[in-house]
Amino acid sequence: MDIDFIGGVDPYSIDGAIEKTIDFTVQLALDHNKGIDIHLHESGESGLKTVEYLIKK
């Protein structure tokens, strides 16, 4: 398998845990030297928190 990106969709709406989901996704990408591809459809406070947390990571 030739995977270039590790990704996810709407961490808060789908998993209910922004930090846990983003931490796992980022660490998996770093461990395997891959890019990150997050599809974010959330709006409002949860969307903003997700973007801010991803930027911090």
N, C-alpha and C. Protein backbone atom coordinates (compact mmCIF):
# COMPACT_ATOMS: atom_id res chain seq x y z
N MET A 1 0.84 -1.18 0.00
CA MET A 1 0.00 0.00 0.00
C MET A 1 0.88 1.24 0.00
N ASP A 2 0.55 2.16 -0.84
CA ASP A 2 1.31 3.40 -0.95
C ASP A 2 0.47 4.54 -0.39
N ILE A 3 0.54 4.73 0.90
CA ILE A 3 -0.25 5.75 1.59
C ILE A 3 0.59 6.99 1.79
N ASP A 4 0.06 8.16 1.38
CA ASP A 4 0.79 9.41 1.52
C ASP A 4 0.28 10.29 2.65
N PHE A 5 -0.97 10.11 3.04
CA PHE A 5 -1.59 10.96 4.06
C PHE A 5 -2.37 10.13 5.08
N ILE A 6 -2.35 10.59 6.32
CA ILE A 6 -3.16 10.04 7.40
C ILE A 6 -4.26 11.07 7.65
N GLY A 7 -5.50 10.63 7.74
CA GLY A 7 -6.56 11.62 7.85
C GLY A 7 -7.69 11.24 8.76
N GLY A 8 -8.65 12.12 8.79
CA GLY A 8 -9.83 11.92 9.60
C GLY A 8 -10.93 12.89 9.19
N VAL A 9 -12.09 12.70 9.81
CA VAL A 9 -13.25 13.53 9.51
C VAL A 9 -13.87 14.00 10.82
N ASP A 10 -14.13 15.27 10.93
CA ASP A 10 -14.88 15.86 12.04
C ASP A 10 -14.63 15.19 13.39
N PRO A 11 -13.48 15.42 14.00
CA PRO A 11 -13.13 14.73 15.23
C PRO A 11 -14.14 14.88 16.37
N TYR A 12 -14.76 16.03 16.49
CA TYR A 12 -15.71 16.21 17.59
C TYR A 12 -17.04 15.51 17.31
N SER A 13 -17.58 15.73 16.13
CA SER A 13 -18.88 15.13 15.79
C SER A 13 -18.82 13.62 15.69
N ILE A 14 -17.76 13.09 15.12
CA ILE A 14 -17.65 11.65 14.91
C ILE A 14 -17.16 10.94 16.17
N ASP A 15 -16.06 11.42 16.76
CA ASP A 15 -15.44 10.74 17.90
C ASP A 15 -15.77 11.36 19.25
N GLY A 16 -16.21 12.62 19.26
CA GLY A 16 -16.51 13.29 20.52
C GLY A 16 -15.27 13.67 21.31
N ALA A 17 -14.10 13.63 20.66
CA ALA A 17 -12.85 13.90 21.37
C ALA A 17 -11.85 14.54 20.43
N ILE A 18 -11.83 15.86 20.40
CA ILE A 18 -10.92 16.57 19.50
C ILE A 18 -9.47 16.21 19.80
N GLU A 19 -9.06 16.34 21.06
CA GLU A 19 -7.65 16.15 21.42
C GLU A 19 -7.18 14.73 21.14
N LYS A 20 -7.95 13.75 21.57
CA LYS A 20 -7.57 12.34 21.39
C LYS A 20 -7.41 12.00 19.91
N THR A 21 -8.36 12.42 19.11
CA THR A 21 -8.34 12.11 17.68
C THR A 21 -7.19 12.81 16.97
N ILE A 22 -7.02 14.11 17.23
CA ILE A 22 -5.93 14.87 16.59
C ILE A 22 -4.57 14.35 17.05
N ASP A 23 -4.41 14.09 18.35
CA ASP A 23 -3.14 13.56 18.86
C ASP A 23 -2.77 12.26 18.17
N PHE A 24 -3.73 11.36 18.04
CA PHE A 24 -3.49 10.06 17.39
C PHE A 24 -3.13 10.24 15.92
N THR A 25 -3.89 11.07 15.22
CA THR A 25 -3.66 11.29 13.79
C THR A 25 -2.29 11.90 13.54
N VAL A 26 -1.95 12.93 14.30
CA VAL A 26 -0.66 13.61 14.14
C VAL A 26 0.49 12.66 14.47
N GLN A 27 0.37 11.91 15.57
CA GLN A 27 1.45 11.00 15.95
C GLN A 27 1.64 9.89 14.93
N LEU A 28 0.54 9.36 14.41
CA LEU A 28 0.63 8.32 13.39
C LEU A 28 1.32 8.85 12.13
N ALA A 29 0.96 10.07 11.74
CA ALA A 29 1.60 10.69 10.56
C ALA A 29 3.09 10.92 10.80
N LEU A 30 3.43 11.40 11.98
CA LEU A 30 4.84 11.64 12.30
C LEU A 30 5.63 10.34 12.34
N ASP A 31 5.06 9.32 12.96
CA ASP A 31 5.75 8.02 13.08
C ASP A 31 6.05 7.40 11.72
N HIS A 32 5.22 7.72 10.73
CA HIS A 32 5.39 7.08 9.42
C HIS A 32 5.75 8.08 8.33
N ASN A 33 6.13 9.29 8.74
CA ASN A 33 6.57 10.34 7.81
C ASN A 33 5.54 10.56 6.69
N LYS A 34 4.29 10.77 7.10
CA LYS A 34 3.19 10.99 6.16
C LYS A 34 2.57 12.36 6.39
N GLY A 35 1.84 12.84 5.42
CA GLY A 35 1.12 14.09 5.55
C GLY A 35 -0.17 13.88 6.33
N ILE A 36 -0.81 14.99 6.67
CA ILE A 36 -2.07 14.95 7.41
C ILE A 36 -3.17 15.54 6.54
N ASP A 37 -4.32 14.86 6.53
CA ASP A 37 -5.46 15.30 5.73
C ASP A 37 -6.72 15.20 6.60
N ILE A 38 -7.12 16.31 7.18
CA ILE A 38 -8.31 16.34 8.03
C ILE A 38 -9.44 17.01 7.26
N HIS A 39 -10.55 16.34 7.14
CA HIS A 39 -11.74 16.91 6.49
C HIS A 39 -12.66 17.43 7.58
N LEU A 40 -12.80 18.74 7.64
CA LEU A 40 -13.55 19.36 8.71
C LEU A 40 -14.81 20.02 8.17
N HIS A 41 -15.95 19.49 8.58
CA HIS A 41 -17.24 20.05 8.18
C HIS A 41 -17.93 20.72 9.36
N GLU A 42 -17.34 20.62 10.52
CA GLU A 42 -17.92 21.20 11.73
C GLU A 42 -17.81 22.72 11.68
N SER A 43 -18.82 23.35 12.16
CA SER A 43 -18.78 24.82 12.23
C SER A 43 -18.91 25.24 13.69
N GLY A 44 -18.88 26.52 13.91
CA GLY A 44 -19.06 27.03 15.26
C GLY A 44 -17.90 26.70 16.16
N GLU A 45 -18.20 26.57 17.44
CA GLU A 45 -17.16 26.40 18.46
C GLU A 45 -16.35 25.12 18.28
N SER A 46 -16.99 24.01 17.97
CA SER A 46 -16.25 22.75 17.82
C SER A 46 -15.31 22.80 16.62
N GLY A 47 -15.73 23.41 15.53
CA GLY A 47 -14.87 23.55 14.36
C GLY A 47 -13.67 24.43 14.66
N LEU A 48 -13.92 25.54 15.34
CA LEU A 48 -12.83 26.46 15.70
C LEU A 48 -11.85 25.79 16.65
N LYS A 49 -12.37 25.08 17.64
CA LYS A 49 -11.48 24.38 18.59
C LYS A 49 -10.63 23.33 17.87
N THR A 50 -11.22 22.64 16.92
CA THR A 50 -10.48 21.62 16.18
C THR A 50 -9.34 22.26 15.38
N VAL A 51 -9.62 23.33 14.68
CA VAL A 51 -8.59 24.02 13.89
C VAL A 51 -7.50 24.57 14.80
N GLU A 52 -7.87 25.20 15.89
CA GLU A 52 -6.88 25.77 16.82
C GLU A 52 -6.01 24.67 17.42
N TYR A 53 -6.61 23.54 17.79
CA TYR A 53 -5.84 22.45 18.36
C TYR A 53 -4.88 21.84 17.33
N LEU A 54 -5.34 21.69 16.12
CA LEU A 54 -4.48 21.15 15.06
C LEU A 54 -3.30 22.09 14.79
N ILE A 55 -3.54 23.39 14.79
CA ILE A 55 -2.45 24.36 14.59
C ILE A 55 -1.41 24.23 15.71
N LYS A 56 -1.86 24.07 16.95
CA LYS A 56 -0.94 23.92 18.08
C LYS A 56 -0.07 22.67 17.95
N LYS A 57 -0.68 21.61 17.44
CA LYS A 57 0.06 20.34 17.28
C LYS A 57 1.13 20.48 16.23
